[in-house]
Amino acid sequence: MKIVLWRGASRRLWAVMAMAVTIAVTTMTPSHAHTSTATTYQIWHWNIAGHSKHLGSTTNGITQAIGGSISARNPDFVSVNEMCHNQYGAVIDYLQGIGWPQNPLNFARYERMTPADDSSYCAGAGYGVVIFSRFALGPTDRFTLPQAAEDKQRKLLCAPVAAQPHLRFCTTHLTYVKDSQAAQLSYVHDVIERYRAQGDTVLIAGDFNIQPHSPLLDSWYSPTVDTVNNAGNQGRYHELDDEDPICPGWGEQTTESNTTGSCGQSGKVDLVFAEADKLTGYREDSQPIGYICGAKRDKACSDHRIVNAFASVRVTE
């Protein structure tokens, strides 16, 4: 039995139906049986510009902005980019304090992107990419991407759910340096394809610094994504906003900048992907940037929007 959820239903109805769906599907092979369960997971992603907007502060509203949004939305997985290490610790304390993680000692992962001896970022604390999970996490994979002509070392961070080792959540933050984008994107793609080959269901979120209509993402997007805004695709994945009627095939902007996107919008570089053949339903929205940070709590908390997505996916047990 398979239930497919689509955007034609109201968002409220979609959420009620999707959160209630748990389907067990058994597939027989000559030697053994595999059981896969379709469950809806909520993914929350934000590039917080922890240094450029906050200089590593944990007291200017950014910790409260992150924690408050997570508390209100109660996602299953959280991806944060450009988070200073001291901000990481402050958010751990916040999430433990509200009882969000099921295992308060095993729900967070951090991977630094700036050199350990570089004092120019976050008052010397450095910044990187972060995973928070409502579920206890298993062994972490940490990958260093091909170096670009910049002072950061880009990373890919992935961890499985301890109780569901074939469900894996990843975050990454790719370079803005044009000459290195293809190599880094290809590296990340190869990693998640290897996970696919071993039977894993992969959810990946991050600031890709590449927009949906870029030819570089043709090997990612499923060929079923074929619109005037995003065509020529040959991949195995859906970006969870690619059915948004705001801009079919492309989705909704995730920045509020001078970068030109599609359908009259600003740029969309914060993306959440899941495997097309594991999906039974999905949706995604980006939230306007909050002006609740700074000394007077009247400054933009980031130059990126929070992205909130839902994916109903089958996971091998």
Foldseek 3Di string as FASTA:
>chain_A
DAFFDEDVDDPVVSVVVQQPAWDWDWDDDPPGIWIKIWHKFKEKEDAQLCCPVPLQDQPFCLLVVVLVVCVVVLGFKYKYFFHFPVSVVSNLVSCVVVVSAPDSVAFKDWDFWADQCDCPGSNNRGHGMMMGGSAGWDDKDKDFFPDDPDRTTWIKIKIARPVFRLEMEIETEADLRVVCLLRRVVVVVVVVVVSVVVQHWYKYKYQSNDFQQDPSCLQADPQVLDDPQHHNHHHFKDFQQCCPPCDHHGGAAFFDDPDDHPSRHHGHRITMMTGPVFFSYKHKDWDPFQQQGDPNGRHTSHRTTMMMMMTGGIGID
